[in-house]
PDB file of N, CA and C in Angstrom:
ATOM      1  N   UNK A   1     -48.355-153.420 115.786  1.00  0.00           N
ATOM      2  CA  UNK A   1     -47.199-154.100 116.672  1.00  0.00           C
ATOM      3  C   UNK A   1     -46.952-155.232 115.836  1.00  0.00           C
ATOM      4  N   UNK A   2     -45.545-155.001 115.930  1.00  0.00           N
ATOM      5  CA  UNK A   2     -44.609-156.276 115.275  1.00  0.00           C
ATOM      6  C   UNK A   2     -44.739-157.581 116.058  1.00  0.00           C
ATOM      7  N   UNK A   3     -45.205-158.453 115.281  1.00  0.00           N
ATOM      8  CA  UNK A   3     -45.186-159.896 115.730  1.00  0.00           C
ATOM      9  C   UNK A   3     -43.708-160.541 115.554  1.00  0.00           C
ATOM     10  N   UNK A   4     -43.042-161.132 116.543  1.00  0.00           N
ATOM     11  CA  UNK A   4     -41.886-162.127 116.583  1.00  0.00           C
ATOM     12  C   UNK A   4     -41.955-163.229 116.932  1.00  0.00           C
ATOM     13  N   UNK A   5     -40.986-164.130 116.699  1.00  0.00           N
ATOM     14  CA  UNK A   5     -40.880-165.485 117.074  1.00  0.00           C
ATOM     15  C   UNK A   5     -40.065-165.649 118.498  1.00  0.00           C
ATOM     16  N   UNK A   6     -40.390-166.607 119.074  1.00  0.00           N
ATOM     17  CA  UNK A   6     -39.749-166.658 120.747  1.00  0.00           C
ATOM     18  C   UNK A   6     -38.198-167.116 120.179  1.00  0.00           C
ATOM     19  N   UNK A   7     -37.421-166.730 121.343  1.00  0.00           N
ATOM     20  CA  UNK A   7     -36.301-167.006 121.575  1.00  0.00           C
ATOM     21  C   UNK A   7     -35.911-168.307 122.300  1.00  0.00           C
ATOM     22  N   UNK A   8     -34.783-169.069 121.809  1.00  0.00           N
ATOM     23  CA  UNK A   8     -34.460-170.192 122.643  1.00  0.00           C
ATOM     24  C   UNK A   8     -33.592-169.603 123.884  1.00  0.00           C
ATOM     25  N   UNK A   9     -33.423-170.093 124.998  1.00  0.00           N
ATOM     26  CA  UNK A   9     -33.032-169.646 126.230  1.00  0.00           C
ATOM     27  C   UNK A   9     -31.553-168.888 125.897  1.00  0.00           C
ATOM     28  N   UNK A  10     -30.621-169.601 125.273  1.00  0.00           N
ATOM     29  CA  UNK A  10     -29.343-169.294 125.320  1.00  0.00           C
ATOM     30  C   UNK A  10     -29.182-167.994 124.157  1.00  0.00           C
ATOM     31  N   UNK A  11     -29.886-167.923 123.186  1.00  0.00           N
ATOM     32  CA  UNK A  11     -30.304-166.842 122.380  1.00  0.00           C
ATOM     33  C   UNK A  11     -30.805-165.615 123.100  1.00  0.00           C
ATOM     34  N   UNK A  12     -31.868-165.696 123.785  1.00  0.00           N
ATOM     35  CA  UNK A  12     -32.409-164.546 124.738  1.00  0.00           C
ATOM     36  C   UNK A  12     -31.185-164.039 125.576  1.00  0.00           C
ATOM     37  N   UNK A  13     -30.434-165.013 126.327  1.00  0.00           N
ATOM     38  CA  UNK A  13     -29.437-164.545 127.240  1.00  0.00           C
ATOM     39  C   UNK A  13     -28.261-163.760 126.409  1.00  0.00           C
ATOM     40  N   UNK A  14     -27.828-164.279 125.220  1.00  0.00           N
ATOM     41  CA  UNK A  14     -26.883-163.408 124.592  1.00  0.00           C
ATOM     42  C   UNK A  14     -27.600-161.959 123.944  1.00  0.00           C
ATOM     43  N   UNK A  15     -28.723-162.086 123.567  1.00  0.00           N
ATOM     44  CA  UNK A  15     -29.225-160.773 123.050  1.00  0.00           C
ATOM     45  C   UNK A  15     -29.336-159.859 124.170  1.00  0.00           C
ATOM     46  N   UNK A  16     -29.738-160.565 125.381  1.00  0.00           N
ATOM     47  CA  UNK A  16     -30.087-159.337 126.719  1.00  0.00           C
ATOM     48  C   UNK A  16     -28.630-158.997 127.218  1.00  0.00           C
ATOM     49  N   UNK A  17     -27.596-159.613 127.095  1.00  0.00           N
ATOM     50  CA  UNK A  17     -26.433-159.509 127.246  1.00  0.00           C
ATOM     51  C   UNK A  17     -25.787-158.034 126.484  1.00  0.00           C
ATOM     52  N   UNK A  18     -26.179-158.340 125.249  1.00  0.00           N
ATOM     53  CA  UNK A  18     -25.794-157.163 124.179  1.00  0.00           C
ATOM     54  C   UNK A  18     -26.628-155.758 124.142  1.00  0.00           C
ATOM     55  N   UNK A  19     -27.565-156.068 125.190  1.00  0.00           N
ATOM     56  CA  UNK A  19     -28.420-154.964 125.409  1.00  0.00           C
ATOM     57  C   UNK A  19     -28.371-154.293 126.588  1.00  0.00           C
ATOM     58  N   UNK A  20     -27.493-154.394 127.375  1.00  0.00           N
ATOM     59  CA  UNK A  20     -27.392-153.703 128.720  1.00  0.00           C
ATOM     60  C   UNK A  20     -26.970-152.266 128.743  1.00  0.00           C
ATOM     61  N   UNK A  21     -26.609-152.064 127.754  1.00  0.00           N
ATOM     62  CA  UNK A  21     -26.209-150.465 127.241  1.00  0.00           C
ATOM     63  C   UNK A  21     -27.505-149.617 127.395  1.00  0.00           C
ATOM     64  N   UNK A  22     -28.710-150.109 127.038  1.00  0.00           N
ATOM     65  CA  UNK A  22     -29.916-149.714 126.871  1.00  0.00           C
ATOM     66  C   UNK A  22     -30.263-149.014 128.426  1.00  0.00           C
ATOM     67  N   UNK A  23     -29.871-149.426 129.305  1.00  0.00           N
ATOM     68  CA  UNK A  23     -30.349-149.271 130.816  1.00  0.00           C
ATOM     69  C   UNK A  23     -30.103-147.716 131.132  1.00  0.00           C
ATOM     70  N   UNK A  24     -30.868-147.011 131.743  1.00  0.00           N
ATOM     71  CA  UNK A  24     -30.834-145.577 131.773  1.00  0.00           C
ATOM     72  C   UNK A  24     -31.363-144.727 130.787  1.00  0.00           C
ATOM     73  N   UNK A  25     -31.514-145.494 129.695  1.00  0.00           N
ATOM     74  CA  UNK A  25     -32.075-144.539 128.445  1.00  0.00           C
ATOM     75  C   UNK A  25     -33.706-144.524 128.322  1.00  0.00           C
ATOM     76  N   UNK A  26     -34.067-143.727 127.221  1.00  0.00           N
ATOM     77  CA  UNK A  26     -35.639-143.600 127.383  1.00  0.00           C
ATOM     78  C   UNK A  26     -36.271-144.767 127.107  1.00  0.00           C
ATOM     79  N   UNK A  27     -37.375-145.095 127.763  1.00  0.00           N
ATOM     80  CA  UNK A  27     -38.340-146.242 127.651  1.00  0.00           C
ATOM     81  C   UNK A  27     -39.235-145.886 126.407  1.00  0.00           C
ATOM     82  N   UNK A  28     -39.764-144.676 126.356  1.00  0.00           N
ATOM     83  CA  UNK A  28     -40.831-144.341 125.351  1.00  0.00           C
ATOM     84  C   UNK A  28     -40.760-142.979 125.057  1.00  0.00           C
ATOM     85  N   UNK A  29     -40.349-141.937 124.199  1.00  0.00           N
ATOM     86  CA  UNK A  29     -40.480-140.788 124.210  1.00  0.00           C
ATOM     87  C   UNK A  29     -42.188-140.056 124.202  1.00  0.00           C
ATOM     88  N   UNK A  30     -43.119-140.960 123.995  1.00  0.00           N
ATOM     89  CA  UNK A  30     -44.128-140.724 123.641  1.00  0.00           C
ATOM     90  C   UNK A  30     -45.057-140.804 125.327  1.00  0.00           C
ATOM     91  N   UNK A  31     -44.240-141.440 126.158  1.00  0.00           N
ATOM     92  CA  UNK A  31     -44.778-141.567 127.362  1.00  0.00           C
ATOM     93  C   UNK A  31     -43.745-140.985 128.605  1.00  0.00           C
ATOM     94  N   UNK A  32     -44.224-139.425 128.907  1.00  0.00           N
ATOM     95  CA  UNK A  32     -43.284-138.762 129.700  1.00  0.00           C
ATOM     96  C   UNK A  32     -43.472-139.025 131.112  1.00  0.00           C
ATOM     97  N   UNK A  33     -44.543-139.712 131.439  1.00  0.00           N
ATOM     98  CA  UNK A  33     -44.710-140.207 132.771  1.00  0.00           C
ATOM     99  C   UNK A  33     -44.167-141.488 133.348  1.00  0.00           C
ATOM    100  N   UNK A  34     -43.195-142.166 132.107  1.00  0.00           N
ATOM    101  CA  UNK A  34     -42.584-143.354 132.580  1.00  0.00           C
ATOM    102  C   UNK A  34     -40.951-142.961 132.563  1.00  0.00           C
ATOM    103  N   UNK A  35     -40.644-143.557 133.605  1.00  0.00           N
ATOM    104  CA  UNK A  35     -38.941-143.247 134.026  1.00  0.00           C
ATOM    105  C   UNK A  35     -38.008-144.207 133.024  1.00  0.00           C
ATOM    106  N   UNK A  36     -36.749-143.831 133.176  1.00  0.00           N
ATOM    107  CA  UNK A  36     -35.755-144.485 132.038  1.00  0.00           C
ATOM    108  C   UNK A  36     -36.182-145.814 132.203  1.00  0.00           C
ATOM    109  N   UNK A  37     -35.139-146.879 131.264  1.00  0.00           N
ATOM    110  CA  UNK A  37     -35.215-148.211 131.267  1.00  0.00           C
ATOM    111  C   UNK A  37     -34.392-148.401 132.526  1.00  0.00           C
ATOM    112  N   UNK A  38     -35.028-149.349 133.393  1.00  0.00           N
ATOM    113  CA  UNK A  38     -34.134-149.956 134.455  1.00  0.00           C
ATOM    114  C   UNK A  38     -34.025-151.431 134.255  1.00  0.00           C
ATOM    115  N   UNK A  39     -34.318-152.100 133.499  1.00  0.00           N
ATOM    116  CA  UNK A  39     -33.980-153.467 133.259  1.00  0.00           C
ATOM    117  C   UNK A  39     -34.120-153.747 131.882  1.00  0.00           C
ATOM    118  N   UNK A  40     -33.159-154.781 131.288  1.00  0.00           N
ATOM    119  CA  UNK A  40     -33.428-155.316 130.061  1.00  0.00           C
ATOM    120  C   UNK A  40     -33.209-157.060 130.388  1.00  0.00           C
ATOM    121  N   UNK A  41     -34.315-157.647 130.163  1.00  0.00           N
ATOM    122  CA  UNK A  41     -34.333-158.661 130.661  1.00  0.00           C
ATOM    123  C   UNK A  41     -34.819-160.075 130.080  1.00  0.00           C
ATOM    124  N   UNK A  42     -34.291-161.155 130.214  1.00  0.00           N
ATOM    125  CA  UNK A  42     -34.776-162.425 129.613  1.00  0.00           C
ATOM    126  C   UNK A  42     -36.069-162.628 130.600  1.00  0.00           C
ATOM    127  N   UNK A  43     -37.409-163.021 129.695  1.00  0.00           N
ATOM    128  CA  UNK A  43     -38.560-163.255 130.071  1.00  0.00           C
ATOM    129  C   UNK A  43     -39.306-164.365 129.203  1.00  0.00           C
ATOM    130  N   UNK A  44     -40.243-164.948 130.024  1.00  0.00           N
ATOM    131  CA  UNK A  44     -40.896-165.905 129.424  1.00  0.00           C
ATOM    132  C   UNK A  44     -41.823-165.411 128.143  1.00  0.00           C
ATOM    133  N   UNK A  45     -41.891-166.071 127.036  1.00  0.00           N
ATOM    134  CA  UNK A  45     -42.557-165.357 125.805  1.00  0.00           C
ATOM    135  C   UNK A  45     -44.155-165.143 126.005  1.00  0.00           C
ATOM    136  N   UNK A  46     -44.643-166.156 126.403  1.00  0.00           N
ATOM    137  CA  UNK A  46     -46.210-165.902 126.506  1.00  0.00           C
ATOM    138  C   UNK A  46     -46.808-165.092 127.567  1.00  0.00           C
ATOM    139  N   UNK A  47     -47.750-164.469 127.465  1.00  0.00           N
ATOM    140  CA  UNK A  47     -48.399-163.369 128.106  1.00  0.00           C
ATOM    141  C   UNK A  47     -48.439-163.811 129.621  1.00  0.00           C
ATOM    142  N   UNK A  48     -49.320-165.057 129.666  1.00  0.00           N
ATOM    143  CA  UNK A  48     -49.510-165.222 131.265  1.00  0.00           C
ATOM    144  C   UNK A  48     -48.342-165.461 132.109  1.00  0.00           C
ATOM    145  N   UNK A  49     -47.193-166.083 131.338  1.00  0.00           N
ATOM    146  CA  UNK A  49     -45.861-166.363 132.177  1.00  0.00           C
ATOM    147  C   UNK A  49     -45.027-164.953 132.418  1.00  0.00           C
ATOM    148  N   UNK A  50     -45.422-164.178 131.219  1.00  0.00           N
ATOM    149  CA  UNK A  50     -44.852-162.711 131.148  1.00  0.00           C
ATOM    150  C   UNK A  50     -45.253-162.029 132.178  1.00  0.00           C
ATOM    151  N   UNK A  51     -46.756-162.022 132.619  1.00  0.00           N
ATOM    152  CA  UNK A  51     -47.039-161.265 133.746  1.00  0.00           C
ATOM    153  C   UNK A  51     -46.447-161.658 135.034  1.00  0.00           C
ATOM    154  N   UNK A  52     -46.533-163.065 135.359  1.00  0.00           N
ATOM    155  CA  UNK A  52     -46.140-163.851 136.506  1.00  0.00           C
ATOM    156  C   UNK A  52     -44.664-163.207 136.906  1.00  0.00           C
ATOM    157  N   UNK A  53     -43.895-163.386 135.537  1.00  0.00           N
ATOM    158  CA  UNK A  53     -42.407-163.118 135.766  1.00  0.00           C
ATOM    159  C   UNK A  53     -42.318-161.368 136.128  1.00  0.00           C
ATOM    160  N   UNK A  54     -43.302-160.533 135.717  1.00  0.00           N
ATOM    161  CA  UNK A  54     -43.112-159.045 136.001  1.00  0.00           C
ATOM    162  C   UNK A  54     -43.608-159.114 137.464  1.00  0.00           C
ATOM    163  N   UNK A  55     -44.686-159.695 138.033  1.00  0.00           N
ATOM    164  CA  UNK A  55     -44.805-159.830 139.353  1.00  0.00           C
ATOM    165  C   UNK A  55     -43.624-160.384 140.250  1.00  0.00           C
ATOM    166  N   UNK A  56     -43.139-161.099 139.947  1.00  0.00           N
ATOM    167  CA  UNK A  56     -41.714-161.566 140.655  1.00  0.00           C
ATOM    168  C   UNK A  56     -40.686-160.521 140.601  1.00  0.00           C
ATOM    169  N   UNK A  57     -40.518-160.004 139.402  1.00  0.00           N
ATOM    170  CA  UNK A  57     -39.433-159.246 139.333  1.00  0.00           C
ATOM    171  C   UNK A  57     -39.864-157.829 140.096  1.00  0.00           C
ATOM    172  N   UNK A  58     -41.126-157.098 140.295  1.00  0.00           N
ATOM    173  CA  UNK A  58     -41.486-156.203 141.164  1.00  0.00           C
ATOM    174  C   UNK A  58     -41.599-156.698 142.700  1.00  0.00           C
ATOM    175  N   UNK A  59     -41.509-157.882 143.049  1.00  0.00           N
ATOM    176  CA  UNK A  59     -41.189-158.270 144.259  1.00  0.00           C
ATOM    177  C   UNK A  59     -39.931-158.505 144.898  1.00  0.00           C
ATOM    178  N   UNK A  60     -39.039-159.208 144.022  1.00  0.00           N
ATOM    179  CA  UNK A  60     -37.723-159.039 143.972  1.00  0.00           C
ATOM    180  C   UNK A  60     -36.784-158.285 143.543  1.00  0.00           C
ATOM    181  N   UNK A  61     -37.216-157.573 142.655  1.00  0.00           N
ATOM    182  CA  UNK A  61     -36.056-156.451 142.236  1.00  0.00           C
ATOM    183  C   UNK A  61     -34.883-157.044 141.340  1.00  0.00           C
ATOM    184  N   UNK A  62     -35.262-158.243 140.850  1.00  0.00           N
ATOM    185  CA  UNK A  62     -34.021-159.178 140.240  1.00  0.00           C
ATOM    186  C   UNK A  62     -34.523-160.061 139.098  1.00  0.00           C
ATOM    187  N   UNK A  63     -34.111-159.669 138.009  1.00  0.00           N
ATOM    188  CA  UNK A  63     -34.834-160.453 136.824  1.00  0.00           C
ATOM    189  C   UNK A  63     -34.301-161.835 136.711  1.00  0.00           C
ATOM    190  N   UNK A  64     -33.035-162.229 137.284  1.00  0.00           N
ATOM    191  CA  UNK A  64     -32.540-163.572 137.416  1.00  0.00           C
ATOM    192  C   UNK A  64     -33.503-164.548 138.092  1.00  0.00           C
ATOM    193  N   UNK A  65     -33.879-163.611 139.481  1.00  0.00           N
ATOM    194  CA  UNK A  65     -34.519-164.565 140.242  1.00  0.00           C
ATOM    195  C   UNK A  65     -36.069-164.804 139.912  1.00  0.00           C
ATOM    196  N   UNK A  66     -36.409-163.645 139.269  1.00  0.00           N
ATOM    197  CA  UNK A  66     -37.676-163.447 138.679  1.00  0.00           C
ATOM    198  C   UNK A  66     -37.918-164.830 137.620  1.00  0.00           C
ATOM    199  N   UNK A  67     -36.905-165.075 137.127  1.00  0.00           N
ATOM    200  CA  UNK A  67     -37.067-166.090 135.783  1.00  0.00           C
ATOM    201  C   UNK A  67     -36.807-167.401 136.273  1.00  0.00           C
ATOM    202  N   UNK A  68     -36.507-167.334 137.425  1.00  0.00           N
ATOM    203  CA  UNK A  68     -36.441-169.037 138.079  1.00  0.00           C
ATOM    204  C   UNK A  68     -37.405-169.935 137.996  1.00  0.00           C
ATOM    205  N   UNK A  69     -38.635-169.113 138.446  1.00  0.00           N
ATOM    206  CA  UNK A  69     -39.632-170.060 138.403  1.00  0.00           C
ATOM    207  C   UNK A  69     -40.090-170.529 137.323  1.00  0.00           C
ATOM    208  N   UNK A  70     -39.939-170.273 136.115  1.00  0.00           N
ATOM    209  CA  UNK A  70     -40.244-170.355 134.773  1.00  0.00           C
ATOM    210  C   UNK A  70     -39.608-171.550 134.165  1.00  0.00           C
ATOM    211  N   UNK A  71     -40.203-172.647 133.629  1.00  0.00           N
ATOM    212  CA  UNK A  71     -39.278-173.647 133.057  1.00  0.00           C
ATOM    213  C   UNK A  71     -39.838-174.003 131.487  1.00  0.00           C
ATOM    214  N   UNK A  72     -40.390-173.019 131.042  1.00  0.00           N
ATOM    215  CA  UNK A  72     -40.751-173.358 129.559  1.00  0.00           C
ATOM    216  C   UNK A  72     -39.689-173.380 128.560  1.00  0.00           C
ATOM    217  N   UNK A  73     -39.750-173.319 127.552  1.00  0.00           N
ATOM    218  CA  UNK A  73     -38.966-173.232 126.431  1.00  0.00           C
ATOM    219  C   UNK A  73     -38.848-172.266 125.320  1.00  0.00           C
ATOM    220  N   UNK A  74     -39.758-171.167 125.789  1.00  0.00           N
ATOM    221  CA  UNK A  74     -39.843-170.017 124.897  1.00  0.00           C
ATOM    222  C   UNK A  74     -39.601-168.815 125.459  1.00  0.00           C
ATOM    223  N   UNK A  75     -38.857-167.995 124.935  1.00  0.00           N
ATOM    224  CA  UNK A  75     -38.435-167.018 125.994  1.00  0.00           C
ATOM    225  C   UNK A  75     -38.417-165.548 124.879  1.00  0.00           C
ATOM    226  N   UNK A  76     -38.248-164.346 125.627  1.00  0.00           N
ATOM    227  CA  UNK A  76     -38.249-163.269 125.027  1.00  0.00           C
ATOM    228  C   UNK A  76     -37.267-162.221 125.688  1.00  0.00           C
ATOM    229  N   UNK A  77     -36.896-161.209 125.150  1.00  0.00           N
ATOM    230  CA  UNK A  77     -36.058-160.310 125.678  1.00  0.00           C
ATOM    231  C   UNK A  77     -37.194-158.913 125.795  1.00  0.00           C
ATOM    232  N   UNK A  78     -37.205-158.369 126.958  1.00  0.00           N
ATOM    233  CA  UNK A  78     -38.142-157.262 127.365  1.00  0.00           C
ATOM    234  C   UNK A  78     -37.253-156.140 128.058  1.00  0.00           C
ATOM    235  N   UNK A  79     -37.973-155.047 127.635  1.00  0.00           N
ATOM    236  CA  UNK A  79     -37.323-153.697 128.236  1.00  0.00           C
ATOM    237  C   UNK A  79     -38.196-153.279 129.301  1.00  0.00           C
ATOM    238  N   UNK A  80     -37.904-153.151 130.766  1.00  0.00           N
ATOM    239  CA  UNK A  80     -38.790-152.756 131.689  1.00  0.00           C
ATOM    240  C   UNK A  80     -38.398-151.345 132.220  1.00  0.00           C
ATOM    241  N   UNK A  81     -39.549-150.490 132.233  1.00  0.00           N
ATOM    242  CA  UNK A  81     -39.240-149.131 133.220  1.00  0.00           C
ATOM    243  C   UNK A  81     -40.717-149.250 134.188  1.00  0.00           C
ATOM    244  N   UNK A  82     -40.511-147.908 134.956  1.00  0.00           N
ATOM    245  CA  UNK A  82     -41.673-147.972 135.860  1.00  0.00           C
ATOM    246  C   UNK A  82     -42.186-146.414 135.928  1.00  0.00           C
ATOM    247  N   UNK A  83     -43.355-146.334 136.000  1.00  0.00           N
ATOM    248  CA  UNK A  83     -44.164-144.889 136.323  1.00  0.00           C
ATOM    249  C   UNK A  83     -43.362-144.358 137.161  1.00  0.00           C
ATOM    250  N   UNK A  84     -43.369-142.982 136.970  1.00  0.00           N
ATOM    251  CA  UNK A  84     -42.613-141.889 137.885  1.00  0.00           C
ATOM    252  C   UNK A  84     -43.541-141.616 138.793  1.00  0.00           C
ATOM    253  N   UNK A  85     -45.020-141.844 138.476  1.00  0.00           N
ATOM    254  CA  UNK A  85     -45.901-141.422 139.774  1.00  0.00           C
ATOM    255  C   UNK A  85     -46.059-142.516 140.618  1.00  0.00           C
ATOM    256  N   UNK A  86     -46.258-143.827 140.227  1.00  0.00           N
ATOM    257  CA  UNK A  86     -46.460-145.211 140.871  1.00  0.00           C
ATOM    258  C   UNK A  86     -45.574-146.016 140.600  1.00  0.00           C
ATOM    259  N   UNK A  87     -44.333-146.062 141.822  1.00  0.00           N
ATOM    260  CA  UNK A  87     -43.387-146.956 141.597  1.00  0.00           C
ATOM    261  C   UNK A  87     -43.604-148.211 141.475  1.00  0.00           C
ATOM    262  N   UNK A  88     -44.898-148.872 141.798  1.00  0.00           N
ATOM    263  CA  UNK A  88     -45.144-150.397 141.661  1.00  0.00           C
ATOM    264  C   UNK A  88     -45.579-150.734 140.356  1.00  0.00           C
ATOM    265  N   UNK A  89     -45.710-149.653 139.234  1.00  0.00           N
ATOM    266  CA  UNK A  89     -46.615-149.823 138.255  1.00  0.00           C
ATOM    267  C   UNK A  89     -45.381-149.948 137.133  1.00  0.00           C
ATOM    268  N   UNK A  90     -45.266-151.085 136.805  1.00  0.00           N
ATOM    269  CA  UNK A  90     -44.021-151.634 135.890  1.00  0.00           C
ATOM    270  C   UNK A  90     -44.769-151.431 134.646  1.00  0.00           C
ATOM    271  N   UNK A  91     -43.976-151.109 133.572  1.00  0.00           N
ATOM    272  CA  UNK A  91     -44.346-151.332 131.930  1.00  0.00           C
ATOM    273  C   UNK A  91     -43.066-151.924 131.250  1.00  0.00           C
ATOM    274  N   UNK A  92     -43.452-152.544 130.388  1.00  0.00           N
ATOM    275  CA  UNK A  92     -42.463-153.245 129.435  1.00  0.00           C
ATOM    276  C   UNK A  92     -43.121-153.511 127.951  1.00  0.00           C
ATOM    277  N   UNK A  93     -41.716-153.574 127.267  1.00  0.00           N
ATOM    278  CA  UNK A  93     -42.177-153.828 125.787  1.00  0.00           C
ATOM    279  C   UNK A  93     -41.174-155.179 125.496  1.00  0.00           C
ATOM    280  N   UNK A  94     -41.625-155.851 124.460  1.00  0.00           N
ATOM    281  CA  UNK A  94     -40.563-156.811 124.195  1.00  0.00           C
ATOM    282  C   UNK A  94     -39.670-155.978 123.170  1.00  0.00           C
ATOM    283  N   UNK A  95     -38.474-156.546 123.135  1.00  0.00           N
ATOM    284  CA  UNK A  95     -37.487-155.792 122.426  1.00  0.00           C
ATOM    285  C   UNK A  95     -37.715-155.101 120.968  1.00  0.00           C
ATOM    286  N   UNK A  96     -38.448-156.017 120.256  1.00  0.00           N
ATOM    287  CA  UNK A  96     -38.783-155.411 118.870  1.00  0.00           C
ATOM    288  C   UNK A  96     -39.988-154.381 118.811  1.00  0.00           C
ATOM    289  N   UNK A  97     -40.842-154.348 119.629  1.00  0.00           N
ATOM    290  CA  UNK A  97     -41.791-153.348 120.016  1.00  0.00           C
ATOM    291  C   UNK A  97     -41.195-152.221 120.292  1.00  0.00           C
ATOM    292  N   UNK A  98     -40.292-152.263 121.498  1.00  0.00           N
ATOM    293  CA  UNK A  98     -39.358-151.047 121.762  1.00  0.00           C
ATOM    294  C   UNK A  98     -38.642-150.481 120.615  1.00  0.00           C
ATOM    295  N   UNK A  99     -37.849-151.299 119.846  1.00  0.00           N
ATOM    296  CA  UNK A  99     -37.299-150.717 118.492  1.00  0.00           C
ATOM    297  C   UNK A  99     -38.172-150.061 117.918  1.00  0.00           C
ATOM    298  N   UNK A 100     -39.026-150.689 117.426  1.00  0.00           N
ATOM    299  CA  UNK A 100     -40.257-150.081 116.619  1.00  0.00           C
ATOM    300  C   UNK A 100     -40.588-148.718 117.106  1.00  0.00           C
ATOM    301  N   UNK A 101     -41.140-148.630 118.585  1.00  0.00           N
ATOM    302  CA  UNK A 101     -41.497-147.275 118.941  1.00  0.00           C
ATOM    303  C   UNK A 101     -40.477-146.144 118.917  1.00  0.00           C
ATOM    304  N   UNK A 102     -39.185-146.554 118.900  1.00  0.00           N
ATOM    305  CA  UNK A 102     -38.050-145.841 119.024  1.00  0.00           C
ATOM    306  C   UNK A 102     -37.543-145.474 117.572  1.00  0.00           C
ATOM    307  N   UNK A 103     -37.994-146.183 116.524  1.00  0.00           N
ATOM    308  CA  UNK A 103     -37.540-146.072 115.294  1.00  0.00           C
ATOM    309  C   UNK A 103     -36.174-146.528 115.070  1.00  0.00           C
ATOM    310  N   UNK A 104     -35.823-147.620 115.638  1.00  0.00           N
ATOM    311  CA  UNK A 104     -34.702-148.224 115.860  1.00  0.00           C
ATOM    312  C   UNK A 104     -34.354-149.572 115.213  1.00  0.00           C
ATOM    313  N   UNK A 105     -33.275-150.097 114.675  1.00  0.00           N
ATOM    314  CA  UNK A 105     -33.229-151.488 114.382  1.00  0.00           C
ATOM    315  C   UNK A 105     -32.130-152.041 115.637  1.00  0.00           C
ATOM    316  N   UNK A 106     -32.277-153.268 115.835  1.00  0.00           N
ATOM    317  CA  UNK A 106     -31.334-154.184 116.363  1.00  0.00           C
ATOM    318  C   UNK A 106     -29.862-153.714 116.331  1.00  0.00           C
ATOM    319  N   UNK A 107     -29.351-153.548 115.214  1.00  0.00           N
ATOM    320  CA  UNK A 107     -27.662-153.336 114.973  1.00  0.00           C
ATOM    321  C   UNK A 107     -27.497-151.746 115.439  1.00  0.00           C
ATOM    322  N   UNK A 108     -28.591-151.007 115.589  1.00  0.00           N
ATOM    323  CA  UNK A 108     -28.270-149.772 116.269  1.00  0.00           C
ATOM    324  C   UNK A 108     -28.032-149.566 117.745  1.00  0.00           C
ATOM    325  N   UNK A 109     -28.507-150.438 118.388  1.00  0.00           N
ATOM    326  CA  UNK A 109     -28.378-150.585 119.824  1.00  0.00           C
ATOM    327  C   UNK A 109     -27.571-151.712 120.414  1.00  0.00           C
ATOM    328  N   UNK A 110     -27.622-152.875 119.836  1.00  0.00           N
ATOM    329  CA  UNK A 110     -26.447-154.024 120.394  1.00  0.00           C
ATOM    330  C   UNK A 110     -25.183-153.607 120.377  1.00  0.00           C
ATOM    331  N   UNK A 111     -24.463-153.850 121.520  1.00  0.00           N
ATOM    332  CA  UNK A 111     -23.328-153.915 121.801  1.00  0.00           C
ATOM    333  C   UNK A 111     -22.502-155.051 121.226  1.00  0.00           C
ATOM    334  N   UNK A 112     -21.686-154.942 120.640  1.00  0.00           N
ATOM    335  CA  UNK A 112     -21.060-156.299 120.111  1.00  0.00           C
ATOM    336  C   UNK A 112     -19.875-156.562 120.683  1.00  0.00           C
ATOM    337  N   UNK A 113     -19.965-157.759 121.333  1.00  0.00           N
ATOM    338  CA  UNK A 113     -18.911-158.220 122.333  1.00  0.00           C
ATOM    339  C   UNK A 113     -17.943-159.342 121.610  1.00  0.00           C
ATOM    340  N   UNK A 114     -16.861-159.258 121.562  1.00  0.00           N
ATOM    341  CA  UNK A 114     -16.002-160.275 121.082  1.00  0.00           C
ATOM    342  C   UNK A 114     -16.125-161.503 121.818  1.00  0.00           C
ATOM    343  N   UNK A 115     -16.102-162.632 121.220  1.00  0.00           N
ATOM    344  CA  UNK A 115     -16.257-163.992 121.877  1.00  0.00           C
ATOM    345  C   UNK A 115     -14.809-164.335 122.677  1.00  0.00           C
ATOM    346  N   UNK A 116     -15.065-164.742 123.745  1.00  0.00           N
ATOM    347  CA  UNK A 116     -13.992-165.138 124.481  1.00  0.00           C
ATOM    348  C   UNK A 116     -13.661-166.675 124.474  1.00  0.00           C
TER     349      UNK A 116
END
């Protein structure tokens, strides 16, 4: 699994906005019991806060609201899907792990938006 450095909040938000086109796509071809990607979200970088974020996301079904509780400085961009059998069973990969598992690089999937 590839290690990566955390993002600053604005960088994470920008990357997340550029990856919304992944929603509805395959989460992991090697995991047929997992549904399509339902969310690309900015989340806390560290594992403990990421787990808390996922719990909040599961309860409110809103990634922005789930992130409101976190006031740290280190962020990640994660891909979220859920089990087809147990809808309360969320799975997530950070963006770089997801890219690695799908043999992609960031430039393959990023929507490039013109600056306004």
